[in-house]
Structure formats: C-alpha cells, structure tokens
Amino acid sequence: MEIVLALIYGAAIGALAHFTVPARDTRGAGLGPIVGAVVGCAVWALLTWLGVTTASAWLWLAAAFVPAAIVYALLPLLARIRNAHDERERKRLRIA
C-alpha cells in the first residue's frame, strides 16, 4: 500500500517540475506529473521485487530522488526536441 506514497510524491515532483522548468508552453500540464508518478511507482515496484523492504531507507530515498532526477532531466530534453521539430515544420511549410 505504500506504493501510493511513491505515486503521490512522483506526481507532486512532476507538477513542481512543470512550473519550474523553462519552456512549459511546449508540453502539456499533465506530462510532468504523469512521468513522475510512473517513475516513482516503477522504482518502488522494482526495489520491492528485488527484496528491499519498507524498513530500508534506500527504498524511500530512491522513491524520492529518482523521479525528481528523471523528470528534471526529461522535461528540458523534450522542450528542446519540440522546439527543434517546430522550427523544422516552420521551414518546411515556409512560414518561418
């Protein structure tokens, strides 16, 4: 049942990242929270399947820091990709 905490924390980190990472006009408001929640749940599930119990601090630290690292690395990358794609489309359509 504690996996819900990882889901909530990941979604909260993703929401915070949406508003703190530049170029938020290039992505939807739900992308950051969804990515954070999925990564948080995946990390929690993987570590519990590997035998790490909730008594271990490693599970809690990983569930806190891995989603933050992934979301804060992914959102700027997606913004750059989107901007490059939009620029190519403008040139292709001759509206740039």
C-alpha atoms as a PDB file:
ATOM      1  CA  MET A   1       0.000   0.000   0.000  1.00  0.00           C
ATOM      2  CA  GLU A   2       2.974   2.306   0.481  1.00  0.00           C
ATOM      3  CA  ILE A   3       3.439   2.381  -3.294  1.00  0.00           C
ATOM      4  CA  VAL A   4       0.695   5.011  -3.313  1.00  0.00           C
ATOM      5  CA  LEU A   5       3.083   7.313  -1.464  1.00  0.00           C
ATOM      6  CA  ALA A   6       5.624   6.900  -4.261  1.00  0.00           C
ATOM      7  CA  LEU A   7       2.895   7.638  -6.798  1.00  0.00           C
ATOM      8  CA  ILE A   8       1.760  10.788  -4.991  1.00  0.00           C
ATOM      9  CA  TYR A   9       5.288  12.025  -4.399  1.00  0.00           C
ATOM     10  CA  GLY A  10       6.275  11.398  -8.019  1.00  0.00           C
ATOM     11  CA  ALA A  11       3.216  13.259  -9.267  1.00  0.00           C
ATOM     12  CA  ALA A  12       3.924  16.176  -6.921  1.00  0.00           C
ATOM     13  CA  ILE A  13       7.541  16.390  -8.077  1.00  0.00           C
ATOM     14  CA  GLY A  14       6.363  16.274 -11.683  1.00  0.00           C
ATOM     15  CA  ALA A  15       3.883  19.082 -11.082  1.00  0.00           C
ATOM     16  CA  LEU A  16       6.572  21.165  -9.424  1.00  0.00           C
ATOM     17  CA  ALA A  17       8.929  20.473 -12.319  1.00  0.00           C
ATOM     18  CA  HIS A  18       6.286  21.583 -14.820  1.00  0.00           C
ATOM     19  CA  PHE A  19       6.196  25.019 -13.251  1.00  0.00           C
ATOM     20  CA  THR A  20       9.920  25.392 -12.539  1.00  0.00           C
ATOM     21  CA  VAL A  21      11.459  24.074 -15.770  1.00  0.00           C
ATOM     22  CA  PRO A  22      11.506  26.649 -18.580  1.00  0.00           C
ATOM     23  CA  ALA A  23       9.530  26.284 -21.823  1.00  0.00           C
ATOM     24  CA  ARG A  24       6.409  24.879 -20.238  1.00  0.00           C
ATOM     25  CA  ASP A  25       4.426  26.106 -23.233  1.00  0.00           C
ATOM     26  CA  THR A  26       5.958  23.241 -25.237  1.00  0.00           C
ATOM     27  CA  ARG A  27       4.347  20.476 -23.177  1.00  0.00           C
ATOM     28  CA  GLY A  28       1.046  19.651 -21.574  1.00  0.00           C
ATOM     29  CA  ALA A  29       0.460  20.307 -17.902  1.00  0.00           C
ATOM     30  CA  GLY A  30      -0.059  16.618 -17.212  1.00  0.00           C
ATOM     31  CA  LEU A  31       3.202  15.348 -18.675  1.00  0.00           C
ATOM     32  CA  GLY A  32       5.425  16.092 -15.672  1.00  0.00           C
ATOM     33  CA  PRO A  33       3.082  14.640 -13.034  1.00  0.00           C
ATOM     34  CA  ILE A  34       2.401  11.532 -15.095  1.00  0.00           C
ATOM     35  CA  VAL A  35       6.088  10.868 -15.746  1.00  0.00           C
ATOM     36  CA  GLY A  36       6.906  11.447 -12.079  1.00  0.00           C
ATOM     37  CA  ALA A  37       4.155   9.129 -10.890  1.00  0.00           C
ATOM     38  CA  VAL A  38       5.092   6.360 -13.328  1.00  0.00           C
ATOM     39  CA  VAL A  39       8.789   6.578 -12.454  1.00  0.00           C
ATOM     40  CA  GLY A  40       8.043   6.658  -8.717  1.00  0.00           C
ATOM     41  CA  CYS A  41       5.843   3.569  -8.946  1.00  0.00           C
ATOM     42  CA  ALA A  42       8.317   1.763 -11.186  1.00  0.00           C
ATOM     43  CA  VAL A  43      11.225   2.407  -8.814  1.00  0.00           C
ATOM     44  CA  TRP A  44       9.170   1.320  -5.812  1.00  0.00           C
ATOM     45  CA  ALA A  45       7.954  -1.836  -7.534  1.00  0.00           C
ATOM     46  CA  LEU A  46      11.403  -2.752  -8.834  1.00  0.00           C
ATOM     47  CA  LEU A  47      13.055  -2.335  -5.459  1.00  0.00           C
ATOM     48  CA  THR A  48      10.370  -4.254  -3.608  1.00  0.00           C
ATOM     49  CA  TRP A  49      10.592  -7.063  -6.175  1.00  0.00           C
ATOM     50  CA  LEU A  50      14.332  -7.122  -5.527  1.00  0.00           C
ATOM     51  CA  GLY A  51      13.628  -7.690  -1.853  1.00  0.00           C
ATOM     52  CA  VAL A  52      14.126  -4.213  -0.393  1.00  0.00           C
ATOM     53  CA  THR A  53      11.623  -3.736   2.415  1.00  0.00           C
ATOM     54  CA  THR A  54       9.928  -0.574   3.584  1.00  0.00           C
ATOM     55  CA  ALA A  55      12.150  -0.637   6.649  1.00  0.00           C
ATOM     56  CA  SER A  56      15.106   0.222   4.428  1.00  0.00           C
ATOM     57  CA  ALA A  57      15.944   3.865   3.850  1.00  0.00           C
ATOM     58  CA  TRP A  58      17.153   3.021   0.327  1.00  0.00           C
ATOM     59  CA  LEU A  59      13.621   2.357  -0.850  1.00  0.00           C
ATOM     60  CA  TRP A  60      12.368   5.690   0.436  1.00  0.00           C
ATOM     61  CA  LEU A  61      15.365   7.640  -0.863  1.00  0.00           C
ATOM     62  CA  ALA A  62      15.171   6.047  -4.295  1.00  0.00           C
ATOM     63  CA  ALA A  63      11.431   6.676  -4.486  1.00  0.00           C
ATOM     64  CA  ALA A  64      12.094  10.329  -3.634  1.00  0.00           C
ATOM     65  CA  PHE A  65      15.148  11.154  -5.726  1.00  0.00           C
ATOM     66  CA  VAL A  66      14.908   9.011  -8.854  1.00  0.00           C
ATOM     67  CA  PRO A  67      11.594  10.519 -10.060  1.00  0.00           C
ATOM     68  CA  ALA A  68      12.948  14.017  -9.424  1.00  0.00           C
ATOM     69  CA  ALA A  69      16.132  13.286 -11.372  1.00  0.00           C
ATOM     70  CA  ILE A  70      14.278  11.716 -14.286  1.00  0.00           C
ATOM     71  CA  VAL A  71      11.608  14.415 -14.555  1.00  0.00           C
ATOM     72  CA  TYR A  72      14.053  17.314 -14.243  1.00  0.00           C
ATOM     73  CA  ALA A  73      16.259  15.721 -16.913  1.00  0.00           C
ATOM     74  CA  LEU A  74      13.439  14.726 -19.259  1.00  0.00           C
ATOM     75  CA  LEU A  75      11.392  17.929 -19.419  1.00  0.00           C
ATOM     76  CA  PRO A  76      14.168  20.199 -20.774  1.00  0.00           C
ATOM     77  CA  LEU A  77      15.125  17.485 -23.270  1.00  0.00           C
ATOM     78  CA  LEU A  78      11.548  17.242 -24.518  1.00  0.00           C
ATOM     79  CA  ALA A  79      11.353  21.043 -24.778  1.00  0.00           C
ATOM     80  CA  ARG A  80      14.467  21.128 -26.979  1.00  0.00           C
ATOM     81  CA  ILE A  81      13.108  18.331 -29.153  1.00  0.00           C
ATOM     82  CA  ARG A  82       9.764  20.096 -29.516  1.00  0.00           C
ATOM     83  CA  ASN A  83      11.368  23.435 -30.383  1.00  0.00           C
ATOM     84  CA  ALA A  84      13.603  21.807 -32.998  1.00  0.00           C
ATOM     85  CA  HIS A  85      10.636  19.992 -34.513  1.00  0.00           C
ATOM     86  CA  ASP A  86       8.551  23.154 -34.614  1.00  0.00           C
ATOM     87  CA  GLU A  87      11.388  25.015 -36.336  1.00  0.00           C
ATOM     88  CA  ARG A  88      11.748  22.274 -38.968  1.00  0.00           C
ATOM     89  CA  GLU A  89       7.996  22.360 -39.584  1.00  0.00           C
ATOM     90  CA  ARG A  90       8.018  26.144 -39.977  1.00  0.00           C
ATOM     91  CA  LYS A  91      10.779  25.875 -42.560  1.00  0.00           C
ATOM     92  CA  ARG A  92       9.035  23.035 -44.358  1.00  0.00           C
ATOM     93  CA  LEU A  93       5.781  24.996 -44.519  1.00  0.00           C
ATOM     94  CA  ARG A  94       7.659  28.187 -45.399  1.00  0.00           C
ATOM     95  CA  ILE A  95       6.148  30.192 -42.568  1.00  0.00           C
ATOM     96  CA  ALA A  96       9.394  30.946 -40.741  1.00  0.00           C
END
